[in-house]
PDB file of N, CA and C in Angstrom:
ATOM      1  N   MET A   1     -15.080  -2.979  -4.284  1.00  0.00           N
ATOM      2  CA  MET A   1     -13.826  -2.332  -3.591  1.00  0.00           C
ATOM      3  C   MET A   1     -14.017  -0.838  -3.151  1.00  0.00           C
ATOM      4  N   SER A   2     -13.357  -0.485  -2.260  1.00  0.00           N
ATOM      5  CA  SER A   2     -13.213   0.846  -1.641  1.00  0.00           C
ATOM      6  C   SER A   2     -12.134   1.513  -1.682  1.00  0.00           C
ATOM      7  N   THR A   3     -12.261   2.660  -2.420  1.00  0.00           N
ATOM      8  CA  THR A   3     -11.189   3.466  -2.393  1.00  0.00           C
ATOM      9  C   THR A   3     -10.437   3.958  -1.231  1.00  0.00           C
ATOM     10  N   GLU A   4     -11.389   4.714  -0.573  1.00  0.00           N
ATOM     11  CA  GLU A   4     -11.508   5.164   0.530  1.00  0.00           C
ATOM     12  C   GLU A   4     -11.177   4.510   1.310  1.00  0.00           C
ATOM     13  N   ALA A   5     -11.267   2.896   1.698  1.00  0.00           N
ATOM     14  CA  ALA A   5     -10.475   2.017   2.570  1.00  0.00           C
ATOM     15  C   ALA A   5      -9.435   1.950   2.507  1.00  0.00           C
ATOM     16  N   LEU A   6      -9.035   1.739   0.913  1.00  0.00           N
ATOM     17  CA  LEU A   6      -7.208   1.451   1.060  1.00  0.00           C
ATOM     18  C   LEU A   6      -6.266   2.874   1.040  1.00  0.00           C
ATOM     19  N   GLU A   7      -7.221   4.143   1.128  1.00  0.00           N
ATOM     20  CA  GLU A   7      -6.651   5.763   1.545  1.00  0.00           C
ATOM     21  C   GLU A   7      -6.661   5.728   2.670  1.00  0.00           C
ATOM     22  N   LEU A   8      -7.300   5.449   3.687  1.00  0.00           N
ATOM     23  CA  LEU A   8      -6.968   5.466   4.950  1.00  0.00           C
ATOM     24  C   LEU A   8      -6.251   4.527   5.230  1.00  0.00           C
ATOM     25  N   ALA A   9      -6.129   3.403   5.225  1.00  0.00           N
ATOM     26  CA  ALA A   9      -4.915   2.182   5.024  1.00  0.00           C
ATOM     27  C   ALA A   9      -3.450   2.987   5.219  1.00  0.00           C
ATOM     28  N   LEU A  10      -3.443   3.398   3.969  1.00  0.00           N
ATOM     29  CA  LEU A  10      -2.274   3.725   3.401  1.00  0.00           C
ATOM     30  C   LEU A  10      -2.022   5.303   3.907  1.00  0.00           C
ATOM     31  N   TYR A  11      -2.884   6.314   4.184  1.00  0.00           N
ATOM     32  CA  TYR A  11      -2.547   7.106   5.124  1.00  0.00           C
ATOM     33  C   TYR A  11      -1.902   6.789   6.556  1.00  0.00           C
ATOM     34  N   ASP A  12      -2.558   6.541   7.134  1.00  0.00           N
ATOM     35  CA  ASP A  12      -1.931   5.624   8.097  1.00  0.00           C
ATOM     36  C   ASP A  12      -0.863   4.975   8.281  1.00  0.00           C
ATOM     37  N   LEU A  13      -0.562   4.013   7.306  1.00  0.00           N
ATOM     38  CA  LEU A  13       0.757   3.777   7.164  1.00  0.00           C
ATOM     39  C   LEU A  13       1.901   4.089   6.783  1.00  0.00           C
ATOM     40  N   GLY A  14       1.633   5.874   5.943  1.00  0.00           N
ATOM     41  CA  GLY A  14       2.201   6.404   5.837  1.00  0.00           C
ATOM     42  C   GLY A  14       2.866   7.933   6.754  1.00  0.00           C
ATOM     43  N   VAL A  15       1.749   8.011   7.591  1.00  0.00           N
ATOM     44  CA  VAL A  15       2.496   9.093   9.071  1.00  0.00           C
ATOM     45  C   VAL A  15       2.287   8.281  10.211  1.00  0.00           C
ATOM     46  N   ARG A  16       1.434   7.220  10.708  1.00  0.00           N
ATOM     47  CA  ARG A  16       1.484   6.695  11.662  1.00  0.00           C
ATOM     48  C   ARG A  16       2.408   5.583  12.390  1.00  0.00           C
ATOM     49  N   ARG A  17       3.452   5.802  13.165  1.00  0.00           N
ATOM     50  CA  ARG A  17       4.685   5.055  13.468  1.00  0.00           C
ATOM     51  C   ARG A  17       4.036   3.860  14.112  1.00  0.00           C
ATOM     52  N   ASP A  18       3.196   4.074  14.765  1.00  0.00           N
ATOM     53  CA  ASP A  18       2.369   2.890  15.583  1.00  0.00           C
ATOM     54  C   ASP A  18       1.652   1.670  14.565  1.00  0.00           C
ATOM     55  N   MET A  19       1.161   2.182  13.826  1.00  0.00           N
ATOM     56  CA  MET A  19       0.719   1.519  12.655  1.00  0.00           C
ATOM     57  C   MET A  19       1.504   0.792  11.652  1.00  0.00           C
ATOM     58  N   ARG A  20       2.761   1.788  11.337  1.00  0.00           N
ATOM     59  CA  ARG A  20       4.155   1.201  10.191  1.00  0.00           C
ATOM     60  C   ARG A  20       4.594   0.081  11.068  1.00  0.00           C
ATOM     61  N   THR A  21       4.419   0.045  12.498  1.00  0.00           N
ATOM     62  CA  THR A  21       5.155  -1.370  13.737  1.00  0.00           C
ATOM     63  C   THR A  21       4.253  -2.424  13.590  1.00  0.00           C
ATOM     64  N   ALA A  22       2.610  -2.085  13.721  1.00  0.00           N
ATOM     65  CA  ALA A  22       2.077  -3.000  13.498  1.00  0.00           C
ATOM     66  C   ALA A  22       1.811  -3.620  12.620  1.00  0.00           C
ATOM     67  N   PHE A  23       2.402  -2.993  11.484  1.00  0.00           N
ATOM     68  CA  PHE A  23       1.980  -3.572   9.962  1.00  0.00           C
ATOM     69  C   PHE A  23       3.372  -4.403   9.687  1.00  0.00           C
ATOM     70  N   ALA A  24       4.606  -3.803  10.317  1.00  0.00           N
ATOM     71  CA  ALA A  24       5.729  -5.041  10.089  1.00  0.00           C
ATOM     72  C   ALA A  24       5.640  -6.436  11.062  1.00  0.00           C
ATOM     73  N   GLN A  25       5.213  -6.447  11.798  1.00  0.00           N
ATOM     74  CA  GLN A  25       4.833  -7.415  12.835  1.00  0.00           C
ATOM     75  C   GLN A  25       3.622  -8.417  12.298  1.00  0.00           C
ATOM     76  N   ASP A  26       2.575  -7.827  11.975  1.00  0.00           N
ATOM     77  CA  ASP A  26       1.348  -9.257  11.478  1.00  0.00           C
ATOM     78  C   ASP A  26       0.583  -8.112  10.811  1.00  0.00           C
ATOM     79  N   ALA A  27       1.313  -8.035   9.279  1.00  0.00           N
ATOM     80  CA  ALA A  27       0.420  -6.852   8.343  1.00  0.00           C
ATOM     81  C   ALA A  27      -1.247  -7.331   8.412  1.00  0.00           C
ATOM     82  N   PRO A  28      -1.657  -9.028   8.252  1.00  0.00           N
ATOM     83  CA  PRO A  28      -3.237  -9.171   8.145  1.00  0.00           C
ATOM     84  C   PRO A  28      -3.964  -8.772   9.189  1.00  0.00           C
ATOM     85  N   ALA A  29      -3.561  -8.837  10.514  1.00  0.00           N
ATOM     86  CA  ALA A  29      -3.992  -8.432  11.745  1.00  0.00           C
ATOM     87  C   ALA A  29      -4.554  -6.695  11.686  1.00  0.00           C
ATOM     88  N   LEU A  30      -3.295  -6.042  11.337  1.00  0.00           N
ATOM     89  CA  LEU A  30      -3.712  -4.840  10.889  1.00  0.00           C
ATOM     90  C   LEU A  30      -4.448  -4.358   9.910  1.00  0.00           C
ATOM     91  N   LEU A  31      -4.454  -4.784   8.900  1.00  0.00           N
ATOM     92  CA  LEU A  31      -5.412  -4.566   7.770  1.00  0.00           C
ATOM     93  C   LEU A  31      -6.711  -5.123   8.125  1.00  0.00           C
ATOM     94  N   ALA A  32      -7.276  -5.826   9.376  1.00  0.00           N
ATOM     95  CA  ALA A  32      -8.316  -6.272   9.671  1.00  0.00           C
ATOM     96  C   ALA A  32      -9.107  -5.259  10.153  1.00  0.00           C
ATOM     97  N   ARG A  33      -8.449  -4.241  10.611  1.00  0.00           N
ATOM     98  CA  ARG A  33      -8.928  -3.100  11.325  1.00  0.00           C
ATOM     99  C   ARG A  33      -9.932  -2.448  10.177  1.00  0.00           C
ATOM    100  N   TYR A  34      -9.397  -2.790   8.881  1.00  0.00           N
ATOM    101  CA  TYR A  34     -10.053  -1.465   7.968  1.00  0.00           C
ATOM    102  C   TYR A  34     -10.932  -2.611   7.189  1.00  0.00           C
ATOM    103  N   ALA A  35     -12.130  -1.611   6.343  1.00  0.00           N
ATOM    104  CA  ALA A  35     -13.241  -2.277   5.627  1.00  0.00           C
ATOM    105  C   ALA A  35     -12.338  -2.497   4.081  1.00  0.00           C
ATOM    106  N   LEU A  36     -11.678  -3.539   4.067  1.00  0.00           N
ATOM    107  CA  LEU A  36     -10.976  -4.251   3.147  1.00  0.00           C
ATOM    108  C   LEU A  36     -11.443  -5.431   2.629  1.00  0.00           C
ATOM    109  N   ASP A  37     -11.503  -5.694   1.594  1.00  0.00           N
ATOM    110  CA  ASP A  37     -11.889  -7.138   1.007  1.00  0.00           C
ATOM    111  C   ASP A  37     -10.026  -7.745   1.320  1.00  0.00           C
ATOM    112  N   ALA A  38     -10.278  -9.295   0.638  1.00  0.00           N
ATOM    113  CA  ALA A  38      -8.843 -10.031   0.916  1.00  0.00           C
ATOM    114  C   ALA A  38      -8.634  -9.619  -0.518  1.00  0.00           C
ATOM    115  N   HIS A  39      -8.966  -8.993  -1.497  1.00  0.00           N
ATOM    116  CA  HIS A  39      -7.687  -8.744  -2.755  1.00  0.00           C
ATOM    117  C   HIS A  39      -7.656  -7.156  -2.170  1.00  0.00           C
ATOM    118  N   GLU A  40      -8.399  -6.528  -1.716  1.00  0.00           N
ATOM    119  CA  GLU A  40      -7.687  -4.778  -1.154  1.00  0.00           C
ATOM    120  C   GLU A  40      -6.404  -5.103  -0.502  1.00  0.00           C
ATOM    121  N   ALA A  41      -6.424  -5.997   0.605  1.00  0.00           N
ATOM    122  CA  ALA A  41      -5.280  -6.307   1.322  1.00  0.00           C
ATOM    123  C   ALA A  41      -4.482  -7.176   0.829  1.00  0.00           C
ATOM    124  N   ALA A  42      -4.406  -7.728  -0.200  1.00  0.00           N
ATOM    125  CA  ALA A  42      -3.436  -8.757  -0.936  1.00  0.00           C
ATOM    126  C   ALA A  42      -2.302  -7.341  -1.433  1.00  0.00           C
ATOM    127  N   LEU A  43      -3.141  -5.915  -1.957  1.00  0.00           N
ATOM    128  CA  LEU A  43      -2.811  -5.033  -2.636  1.00  0.00           C
ATOM    129  C   LEU A  43      -1.525  -4.468  -2.016  1.00  0.00           C
ATOM    130  N   ILE A  44      -1.696  -4.206  -0.450  1.00  0.00           N
ATOM    131  CA  ILE A  44      -1.127  -3.779   0.039  1.00  0.00           C
ATOM    132  C   ILE A  44      -0.064  -4.513   0.623  1.00  0.00           C
ATOM    133  N   THR A  45      -0.073  -5.454   1.296  1.00  0.00           N
ATOM    134  CA  THR A  45       0.513  -6.757   1.449  1.00  0.00           C
ATOM    135  C   THR A  45       1.625  -6.948   0.502  1.00  0.00           C
ATOM    136  N   GLY A  46       0.976  -6.639  -0.815  1.00  0.00           N
ATOM    137  CA  GLY A  46       1.946  -6.843  -1.561  1.00  0.00           C
ATOM    138  C   GLY A  46       2.761  -6.290  -2.422  1.00  0.00           C
ATOM    139  N   PHE A  47       2.622  -4.969  -2.054  1.00  0.00           N
ATOM    140  CA  PHE A  47       3.091  -3.657  -2.082  1.00  0.00           C
ATOM    141  C   PHE A  47       2.971  -3.460  -4.007  1.00  0.00           C
ATOM    142  N   ASP A  48       1.726  -3.640  -4.052  1.00  0.00           N
ATOM    143  CA  ASP A  48       1.399  -3.533  -5.449  1.00  0.00           C
ATOM    144  C   ASP A  48       0.696  -2.008  -5.571  1.00  0.00           C
ATOM    145  N   VAL A  49       1.653  -1.324  -5.930  1.00  0.00           N
ATOM    146  CA  VAL A  49       1.568  -0.066  -6.330  1.00  0.00           C
ATOM    147  C   VAL A  49       0.511   0.766  -7.386  1.00  0.00           C
ATOM    148  N   ALA A  50       1.135  -0.516  -8.476  1.00  0.00           N
ATOM    149  CA  ALA A  50       0.448  -0.313  -9.656  1.00  0.00           C
ATOM    150  C   ALA A  50      -1.113  -0.373  -9.611  1.00  0.00           C
ATOM    151  N   GLY A  51      -1.300  -1.725  -9.007  1.00  0.00           N
ATOM    152  CA  GLY A  51      -2.442  -2.104  -8.416  1.00  0.00           C
ATOM    153  C   GLY A  51      -3.389  -1.062  -7.769  1.00  0.00           C
ATOM    154  N   LEU A  52      -2.980  -0.618  -6.725  1.00  0.00           N
ATOM    155  CA  LEU A  52      -3.040   0.390  -5.575  1.00  0.00           C
ATOM    156  C   LEU A  52      -4.094   1.580  -7.009  1.00  0.00           C
ATOM    157  N   GLN A  53      -2.926   1.915  -7.743  1.00  0.00           N
ATOM    158  CA  GLN A  53      -3.296   3.517  -8.602  1.00  0.00           C
ATOM    159  C   GLN A  53      -4.602   2.913  -9.119  1.00  0.00           C
ATOM    160  N   LYS A  54      -4.523   1.692  -9.709  1.00  0.00           N
ATOM    161  CA  LYS A  54      -5.325   1.361 -11.098  1.00  0.00           C
ATOM    162  C   LYS A  54      -7.058   1.074 -10.103  1.00  0.00           C
ATOM    163  N   ALA A  55      -6.920   0.748  -8.554  1.00  0.00           N
ATOM    164  CA  ALA A  55      -8.323   1.055  -7.772  1.00  0.00           C
ATOM    165  C   ALA A  55      -8.537   2.056  -7.543  1.00  0.00           C
ATOM    166  N   GLY A  56      -7.993   3.701  -7.801  1.00  0.00           N
ATOM    167  CA  GLY A  56      -8.455   4.665  -7.797  1.00  0.00           C
ATOM    168  C   GLY A  56      -7.357   5.432  -6.322  1.00  0.00           C
ATOM    169  N   VAL A  57      -6.230   5.103  -5.905  1.00  0.00           N
ATOM    170  CA  VAL A  57      -5.840   5.502  -4.646  1.00  0.00           C
ATOM    171  C   VAL A  57      -5.142   6.524  -5.377  1.00  0.00           C
ATOM    172  N   SER A  58      -4.909   7.746  -4.706  1.00  0.00           N
ATOM    173  CA  SER A  58      -3.546   8.611  -4.776  1.00  0.00           C
ATOM    174  C   SER A  58      -2.010   8.057  -5.256  1.00  0.00           C
ATOM    175  N   PRO A  59      -1.538   8.576  -6.100  1.00  0.00           N
ATOM    176  CA  PRO A  59      -0.228   8.246  -5.975  1.00  0.00           C
ATOM    177  C   PRO A  59       0.314   8.729  -5.099  1.00  0.00           C
ATOM    178  N   LEU A  60       0.074   9.983  -4.443  1.00  0.00           N
ATOM    179  CA  LEU A  60       0.760  10.357  -3.046  1.00  0.00           C
ATOM    180  C   LEU A  60       0.716   9.548  -1.991  1.00  0.00           C
ATOM    181  N   LEU A  61      -0.267   8.954  -2.045  1.00  0.00           N
ATOM    182  CA  LEU A  61      -0.426   7.946  -0.967  1.00  0.00           C
ATOM    183  C   LEU A  61       0.310   6.839  -1.290  1.00  0.00           C
ATOM    184  N   THR A  62       0.232   5.874  -2.125  1.00  0.00           N
ATOM    185  CA  THR A  62       1.307   5.018  -2.663  1.00  0.00           C
ATOM    186  C   THR A  62       2.813   5.007  -2.544  1.00  0.00           C
ATOM    187  N   TYR A  63       3.173   6.519  -3.040  1.00  0.00           N
ATOM    188  CA  TYR A  63       4.439   6.788  -2.784  1.00  0.00           C
ATOM    189  C   TYR A  63       4.971   6.739  -1.369  1.00  0.00           C
ATOM    190  N   GLY A  64       4.154   7.251  -0.587  1.00  0.00           N
ATOM    191  CA  GLY A  64       4.231   7.850   0.614  1.00  0.00           C
ATOM    192  C   GLY A  64       3.905   6.158   1.310  1.00  0.00           C
ATOM    193  N   PHE A  65       3.179   5.468   1.205  1.00  0.00           N
ATOM    194  CA  PHE A  65       3.093   3.793   1.737  1.00  0.00           C
ATOM    195  C   PHE A  65       4.431   3.515   1.565  1.00  0.00           C
ATOM    196  N   TRP A  66       4.812   3.663   0.468  1.00  0.00           N
ATOM    197  CA  TRP A  66       6.100   2.799  -0.003  1.00  0.00           C
ATOM    198  C   TRP A  66       7.723   3.205   0.696  1.00  0.00           C
ATOM    199  N   LEU A  67       7.319   4.465   0.553  1.00  0.00           N
ATOM    200  CA  LEU A  67       8.812   5.061   1.102  1.00  0.00           C
ATOM    201  C   LEU A  67       8.948   4.757   2.704  1.00  0.00           C
ATOM    202  N   MET A  68       8.007   4.296   3.702  1.00  0.00           N
ATOM    203  CA  MET A  68       7.769   3.876   4.675  1.00  0.00           C
ATOM    204  C   MET A  68       7.801   2.813   4.933  1.00  0.00           C
ATOM    205  N   ASN A  69       7.182   1.807   4.088  1.00  0.00           N
ATOM    206  CA  ASN A  69       6.911   0.338   4.562  1.00  0.00           C
ATOM    207  C   ASN A  69       7.626  -0.660   3.543  1.00  0.00           C
ATOM    208  N   ALA A  70       7.982  -0.033   2.597  1.00  0.00           N
ATOM    209  CA  ALA A  70       8.536  -1.221   1.520  1.00  0.00           C
ATOM    210  C   ALA A  70       9.964  -1.823   1.697  1.00  0.00           C
ATOM    211  N   PRO A  71       9.892  -3.010   1.482  1.00  0.00           N
ATOM    212  CA  PRO A  71      11.355  -3.538   2.125  1.00  0.00           C
ATOM    213  C   PRO A  71      12.817  -2.744   0.670  1.00  0.00           C
ATOM    214  N   GLU A  72      12.329  -2.334   0.180  1.00  0.00           N
ATOM    215  CA  GLU A  72      13.302  -1.345  -0.511  1.00  0.00           C
ATOM    216  C   GLU A  72      12.758  -0.041  -1.240  1.00  0.00           C
ATOM    217  N   ARG A  73      13.165   0.944   0.322  1.00  0.00           N
ATOM    218  CA  ARG A  73      12.522   2.262  -0.083  1.00  0.00           C
ATOM    219  C   ARG A  73      13.260   3.083  -0.568  1.00  0.00           C
ATOM    220  N   THR A  74      13.380   3.292  -1.944  1.00  0.00           N
ATOM    221  CA  THR A  74      13.749   4.315  -2.618  1.00  0.00           C
ATOM    222  C   THR A  74      13.219   4.416  -3.838  1.00  0.00           C
ATOM    223  N   ARG A  75      13.338   5.463  -4.664  1.00  0.00           N
ATOM    224  CA  ARG A  75      12.685   6.291  -5.440  1.00  0.00           C
ATOM    225  C   ARG A  75      12.055   5.343  -6.849  1.00  0.00           C
ATOM    226  N   ALA A  76      13.626   4.658  -7.053  1.00  0.00           N
ATOM    227  CA  ALA A  76      14.097   3.806  -8.320  1.00  0.00           C
ATOM    228  C   ALA A  76      13.034   2.640  -8.038  1.00  0.00           C
ATOM    229  N   ALA A  77      12.996   2.264  -6.828  1.00  0.00           N
ATOM    230  CA  ALA A  77      12.532   0.808  -6.821  1.00  0.00           C
ATOM    231  C   ALA A  77      11.077   1.109  -6.914  1.00  0.00           C
ATOM    232  N   TYR A  78      10.517   2.055  -6.453  1.00  0.00           N
ATOM    233  CA  TYR A  78       9.122   2.513  -6.507  1.00  0.00           C
ATOM    234  C   TYR A  78       8.780   2.703  -8.136  1.00  0.00           C
ATOM    235  N   LEU A  79       9.333   3.123  -8.649  1.00  0.00           N
ATOM    236  CA  LEU A  79       9.116   3.462 -10.065  1.00  0.00           C
ATOM    237  C   LEU A  79       9.401   2.218 -10.730  1.00  0.00           C
ATOM    238  N   ALA A  80       9.960   1.502 -10.793  1.00  0.00           N
ATOM    239  CA  ALA A  80      10.037   0.316 -11.292  1.00  0.00           C
ATOM    240  C   ALA A  80       8.981  -0.699 -11.217  1.00  0.00           C
ATOM    241  N   ARG A  81       8.676  -0.772  -9.723  1.00  0.00           N
ATOM    242  CA  ARG A  81       7.347  -1.932  -9.231  1.00  0.00           C
ATOM    243  C   ARG A  81       6.062  -1.253 -10.162  1.00  0.00           C
ATOM    244  N   LEU A  82       6.138  -0.062 -10.249  1.00  0.00           N
ATOM    245  CA  LEU A  82       4.910   0.565 -10.744  1.00  0.00           C
ATOM    246  C   LEU A  82       5.131   0.660 -12.174  1.00  0.00           C
ATOM    247  N   ARG A  83       6.194   0.975 -12.858  1.00  0.00           N
ATOM    248  CA  ARG A  83       6.165   0.237 -14.392  1.00  0.00           C
ATOM    249  C   ARG A  83       5.573  -1.288 -14.500  1.00  0.00           C
ATOM    250  N   ALA A  84       6.618  -2.161 -13.489  1.00  0.00           N
ATOM    251  CA  ALA A  84       6.098  -3.587 -14.021  1.00  0.00           C
ATOM    252  C   ALA A  84       4.713  -3.670 -13.570  1.00  0.00           C
ATOM    253  N   GLY A  85       3.894  -3.070 -12.782  1.00  0.00           N
ATOM    254  CA  GLY A  85       2.540  -2.958 -12.635  1.00  0.00           C
ATOM    255  C   GLY A  85       1.929  -2.720 -13.783  1.00  0.00           C
ATOM    256  N   ALA A  86       2.241  -1.331 -14.697  1.00  0.00           N
ATOM    257  CA  ALA A  86       1.507  -0.991 -15.793  1.00  0.00           C
ATOM    258  C   ALA A  86       1.913  -1.967 -16.763  1.00  0.00           C
ATOM    259  N   ALA A  87       2.744  -2.584 -16.842  1.00  0.00           N
ATOM    260  CA  ALA A  87       3.438  -3.333 -18.002  1.00  0.00           C
ATOM    261  C   ALA A  87       2.648  -4.621 -18.046  1.00  0.00           C
ATOM    262  N   THR A  88       1.808  -5.658 -16.628  1.00  0.00           N
ATOM    263  CA  THR A  88       0.647  -6.401 -16.936  1.00  0.00           C
ATOM    264  C   THR A  88      -0.251  -5.959 -17.158  1.00  0.00           C
ATOM    265  N   SER A  89      -0.684  -5.219 -17.252  1.00  0.00           N
ATOM    266  CA  SER A  89      -2.248  -4.833 -17.514  1.00  0.00           C
ATOM    267  C   SER A  89      -2.395  -4.591 -19.063  1.00  0.00           C
TER     268      SER A  89
END
């Protein structure tokens, strides 16, 4: 598992509109551009922010990724997802 590849993908999805558009249209095709394995890609497409943080990804990147890409882009939804993921570990 590569924390660096995960962080690069999340950074791009947080700051680049073209990447967000491509992610919304075809997430697997976009994520194939990065050195991610299937599990890492699933963490991103599943918006598993707790799993991403467990993998060593910066909480700032997971939050920015969530706010720019998640179906429900609120702080409350992010924290609920983070807590739910922490409870399952």
